[in-house]
N, C-alpha and C. Protein backbone atom coordinates (compact mmCIF):
# COMPACT_ATOMS: atom_id res chain seq x y z
N PRO A 1 16.51 273.47 230.85
CA PRO A 1 17.82 272.79 230.50
C PRO A 1 17.51 271.42 229.73
N GLU A 2 18.64 271.14 228.95
CA GLU A 2 18.42 269.93 228.09
C GLU A 2 18.99 268.71 229.13
N THR A 3 18.02 267.69 229.14
CA THR A 3 18.37 266.56 230.09
C THR A 3 18.68 265.26 229.38
N ASN A 4 18.17 265.38 228.09
CA ASN A 4 18.36 264.10 227.32
C ASN A 4 17.59 262.97 227.76
N ASP A 5 16.53 263.32 228.63
CA ASP A 5 15.32 262.24 228.92
C ASP A 5 14.47 262.33 228.04
N TRP A 6 13.58 261.18 227.91
CA TRP A 6 12.48 260.94 227.05
C TRP A 6 11.38 262.01 227.58
N LEU A 7 10.74 262.72 226.73
CA LEU A 7 9.52 263.38 227.04
C LEU A 7 8.17 262.65 227.35
N GLU A 8 7.48 263.35 228.02
CA GLU A 8 6.08 262.49 228.18
C GLU A 8 5.39 262.30 226.93
N GLY A 9 4.83 261.08 226.76
CA GLY A 9 4.06 260.90 225.67
C GLY A 9 4.85 260.14 224.47
N TYR A 10 6.00 259.85 224.83
CA TYR A 10 6.88 259.16 223.90
C TYR A 10 7.29 257.79 224.25
N GLU A 11 6.47 257.17 225.21
CA GLU A 11 6.81 256.01 225.70
C GLU A 11 6.93 254.68 224.60
N THR A 12 6.10 255.05 223.52
CA THR A 12 6.02 253.74 222.55
C THR A 12 7.38 253.97 221.66
N GLN A 13 7.79 255.08 221.26
CA GLN A 13 9.07 255.37 220.72
C GLN A 13 10.40 254.89 221.47
N ARG A 14 10.15 255.16 222.87
CA ARG A 14 11.37 254.80 223.77
C ARG A 14 11.50 253.37 223.99
N GLU A 15 10.32 252.80 223.95
CA GLU A 15 10.50 251.19 224.11
C GLU A 15 10.95 250.71 222.89
N ALA A 16 10.51 251.16 221.70
CA ALA A 16 10.95 250.65 220.35
C ALA A 16 12.58 250.93 220.38
N TRP A 17 12.99 252.08 220.82
CA TRP A 17 14.35 252.32 220.80
C TRP A 17 15.13 251.49 221.73
N GLU A 18 14.65 251.39 222.92
CA GLU A 18 15.40 250.45 223.67
C GLU A 18 15.43 249.09 223.42
N HIS A 19 14.34 248.62 222.54
CA HIS A 19 14.35 247.21 221.90
C HIS A 19 15.46 247.05 221.03
N GLN A 20 15.64 248.05 220.32
CA GLN A 20 16.48 248.11 219.06
C GLN A 20 17.94 248.16 219.70
N TYR A 21 18.13 248.94 220.83
CA TYR A 21 19.54 249.20 221.37
C TYR A 21 19.93 247.73 221.82
N ALA A 22 18.79 246.96 222.74
CA ALA A 22 19.08 245.89 223.42
C ALA A 22 19.64 244.77 222.31
N GLU A 23 18.83 244.86 221.16
CA GLU A 23 19.15 243.93 219.94
C GLU A 23 20.65 244.18 219.37
N ALA A 24 20.87 245.46 219.19
CA ALA A 24 22.29 245.89 218.63
C ALA A 24 23.25 245.46 219.78
N GLN A 25 23.01 245.72 220.98
CA GLN A 25 24.01 245.35 222.12
C GLN A 25 24.29 243.93 221.98
N THR A 26 23.33 243.06 221.77
CA THR A 26 23.50 241.62 221.86
C THR A 26 24.33 241.20 220.57
N ARG A 27 23.85 241.83 219.31
CA ARG A 27 24.73 241.58 218.23
C ARG A 27 26.18 241.93 218.33
N PHE A 28 26.43 243.07 219.06
CA PHE A 28 27.74 243.47 219.28
C PHE A 28 28.48 242.41 220.23
N GLU A 29 27.85 242.08 221.21
CA GLU A 29 28.49 241.11 222.08
C GLU A 29 28.78 239.77 221.35
N GLN A 30 27.95 239.29 220.56
CA GLN A 30 28.15 237.99 219.60
C GLN A 30 29.30 238.16 218.80
N HIS A 31 29.31 239.51 218.24
CA HIS A 31 30.52 239.81 217.25
C HIS A 31 31.70 239.81 218.04
N GLN A 32 31.81 240.16 219.20
CA GLN A 32 33.03 240.33 220.08
C GLN A 32 33.47 238.73 220.29
N GLN A 33 32.59 237.98 220.75
CA GLN A 33 32.66 236.61 221.03
C GLN A 33 33.31 235.87 219.77
N GLN A 34 32.62 236.25 218.60
CA GLN A 34 33.23 235.65 217.26
C GLN A 34 34.58 235.94 216.95
N VAL A 35 34.87 237.26 217.20
CA VAL A 35 36.29 237.85 216.95
C VAL A 35 37.31 236.88 217.85
N ILE A 36 36.90 236.82 219.14
CA ILE A 36 37.83 236.10 219.99
C ILE A 36 37.98 234.63 219.65
N LYS A 37 36.99 234.03 219.16
CA LYS A 37 37.05 232.67 218.71
C LYS A 37 37.94 232.53 217.53
N SER A 38 37.70 233.49 216.72
CA SER A 38 38.38 233.37 215.39
C SER A 38 40.16 233.73 215.75
N ARG A 39 40.38 234.60 216.56
CA ARG A 39 41.70 234.88 216.92
C ARG A 39 42.25 233.56 217.48
N GLU A 40 41.47 232.98 218.53
CA GLU A 40 42.03 231.87 219.12
C GLU A 40 42.33 230.73 218.12
N ALA A 41 41.40 230.53 217.23
CA ALA A 41 41.67 229.43 216.14
C ALA A 41 42.76 229.80 215.26
N ASP A 42 42.90 231.23 214.88
CA ASP A 42 44.10 231.51 214.06
C ASP A 42 45.31 231.21 214.86
N ALA A 43 45.34 231.53 216.08
CA ALA A 43 46.55 231.30 217.12
C ALA A 43 46.89 229.75 217.17
N ALA A 44 45.84 228.99 217.31
CA ALA A 44 45.99 227.50 217.26
C ALA A 44 46.48 227.08 215.95
N ALA A 45 45.93 227.66 214.82
CA ALA A 45 46.48 227.07 213.54
C ALA A 45 47.95 227.62 213.16
N ALA A 46 48.37 228.87 213.80
CA ALA A 46 49.65 229.24 213.77
C ALA A 46 50.46 228.39 214.56
N ALA A 47 50.00 227.94 215.75
CA ALA A 47 50.82 227.13 216.51
C ALA A 47 51.16 225.64 215.93
N GLU A 48 50.19 225.12 215.08
CA GLU A 48 50.10 223.79 214.57
C GLU A 48 50.85 223.95 213.41
N GLY A 49 50.70 224.67 212.55
CA GLY A 49 51.09 224.67 211.16
C GLY A 49 52.43 225.82 210.80
N GLY A 50 52.89 226.31 211.86
CA GLY A 50 54.01 227.27 211.49
C GLY A 50 53.38 228.68 211.49
N GLU A 51 53.92 229.38 210.41
CA GLU A 51 53.41 230.78 210.33
C GLU A 51 52.41 230.95 209.45
N ALA A 52 51.48 230.09 208.75
CA ALA A 52 50.69 230.21 207.86
C ALA A 52 49.49 231.19 208.28
N ALA A 53 49.25 231.07 209.48
CA ALA A 53 48.01 232.03 209.89
C ALA A 53 48.58 233.00 210.73
N ALA A 54 49.66 233.24 210.97
CA ALA A 54 50.23 234.40 211.62
C ALA A 54 49.71 235.82 211.30
N PRO A 55 49.69 236.25 210.38
CA PRO A 55 49.32 237.54 209.81
C PRO A 55 47.84 237.92 210.19
N ALA A 56 46.93 236.78 210.17
CA ALA A 56 45.56 236.90 210.53
C ALA A 56 45.36 236.93 212.03
N ALA A 57 46.26 236.23 212.61
CA ALA A 57 46.35 236.08 214.25
C ALA A 57 46.69 237.36 214.72
N SER A 58 47.72 238.06 214.23
CA SER A 58 48.02 239.36 214.79
C SER A 58 47.08 240.54 214.38
N GLY A 59 46.19 240.33 213.55
CA GLY A 59 45.23 241.30 213.29
C GLY A 59 45.75 242.27 212.23
N GLY A 60 46.95 242.11 211.81
CA GLY A 60 47.43 242.98 210.67
C GLY A 60 47.06 242.48 209.25
N GLY A 61 47.55 241.41 208.99
CA GLY A 61 47.26 240.86 207.76
C GLY A 61 48.24 241.62 206.80
N SER A 62 48.33 240.96 205.57
CA SER A 62 49.09 241.75 204.56
C SER A 62 48.63 241.51 203.11
N TYR A 63 48.37 242.40 202.43
CA TYR A 63 48.05 242.35 201.01
C TYR A 63 48.94 242.37 200.08
N SER A 64 50.43 242.19 200.49
CA SER A 64 51.44 242.19 199.50
C SER A 64 51.53 240.92 198.70
N SER A 65 52.23 241.03 197.60
CA SER A 65 52.22 239.81 196.81
C SER A 65 53.41 239.17 196.96
N GLU A 66 53.86 238.98 198.27
CA GLU A 66 55.17 238.35 198.48
C GLU A 66 55.01 236.84 198.11
N GLY A 67 55.99 236.22 197.51
CA GLY A 67 55.69 234.80 197.15
C GLY A 67 54.70 234.47 196.09
N ALA A 68 54.01 235.59 195.75
CA ALA A 68 53.13 235.29 194.53
C ALA A 68 53.54 234.97 193.12
N ASP A 69 52.53 234.68 192.30
CA ASP A 69 53.16 234.41 190.88
C ASP A 69 53.63 235.68 190.41
N THR A 70 54.68 235.74 189.63
CA THR A 70 55.30 236.94 189.11
C THR A 70 55.08 236.90 187.56
N SER A 71 54.16 236.42 187.10
CA SER A 71 53.90 236.44 185.50
C SER A 71 53.03 237.47 185.34
N GLY A 72 52.51 238.39 186.15
CA GLY A 72 51.70 239.40 185.89
C GLY A 72 52.05 240.43 184.70
N ALA A 73 51.04 241.50 184.46
CA ALA A 73 51.47 242.57 183.51
C ALA A 73 52.78 243.21 183.72
N LEU A 74 52.98 243.64 185.03
CA LEU A 74 54.22 244.14 185.39
C LEU A 74 55.36 243.42 186.17
N ALA A 75 55.44 242.13 185.56
CA ALA A 75 56.34 241.14 186.14
C ALA A 75 57.74 241.74 186.26
N SER A 76 58.23 242.45 185.27
CA SER A 76 59.67 242.89 185.37
C SER A 76 59.80 244.20 185.85
N ASP A 77 60.93 244.58 186.35
CA ASP A 77 61.19 246.01 186.58
C ASP A 77 61.23 246.93 185.46
N GLU A 78 61.70 246.35 184.25
CA GLU A 78 61.70 247.20 183.01
C GLU A 78 60.13 247.69 182.68
N ALA A 79 59.15 246.67 182.93
CA ALA A 79 57.94 246.85 182.51
C ALA A 79 57.33 247.90 183.57
N LEU A 80 57.61 247.90 184.74
CA LEU A 80 57.25 248.80 185.63
C LEU A 80 57.91 250.22 185.48
N ALA A 81 59.18 250.21 185.05
CA ALA A 81 59.78 251.51 184.84
C ALA A 81 59.28 252.03 183.55
N ALA A 82 58.77 251.20 182.54
CA ALA A 82 58.23 251.85 181.43
C ALA A 82 56.95 252.42 181.63
N LEU A 83 56.20 251.89 182.42
CA LEU A 83 54.90 252.36 183.04
C LEU A 83 55.00 253.71 183.58
N ARG A 84 56.07 253.73 184.52
CA ARG A 84 56.30 255.06 185.37
C ARG A 84 56.51 255.97 184.16
N GLU A 85 57.37 255.72 183.29
CA GLU A 85 57.87 256.82 182.34
C GLU A 85 56.66 257.26 181.47
N LYS A 86 55.86 256.43 181.13
CA LYS A 86 54.68 256.67 180.36
C LYS A 86 53.82 257.58 181.05
N LEU A 87 53.44 257.23 182.44
CA LEU A 87 52.56 257.94 183.15
C LEU A 87 53.16 259.34 183.56
N ALA A 88 54.38 259.46 183.66
CA ALA A 88 55.10 260.69 183.95
C ALA A 88 55.26 261.51 182.79
N GLY A 89 54.67 261.10 181.48
CA GLY A 89 54.65 261.92 180.39
C GLY A 89 56.09 261.89 179.71
N GLY A 90 56.99 260.96 180.06
CA GLY A 90 58.22 261.00 179.55
C GLY A 90 59.14 262.09 179.91
N GLN A 91 58.94 262.58 181.13
CA GLN A 91 59.60 263.71 181.73
C GLN A 91 60.69 263.34 182.66
N SER A 92 60.99 261.95 182.86
CA SER A 92 61.94 261.69 183.96
C SER A 92 63.18 261.32 183.45
């Protein structure tokens, strides 16, 4: 039956794998600590400066263009409607 134990004669490979696993575990734990510190810093910044860091602190974040410059290629509803009409092949 399959036991998932290392076979005899593969000690070198097992030791290398265990070393790689230990390094990966250490990196993972360091990453977790970095994430915690980052969230704490975001929360502190949000508490100090209002809501500026709130999306990052909640982990959600937003890629919307709220409050962004509206001088882009589709700045007006008319331009967006024209693009939709063009992409639909003029069938709407």
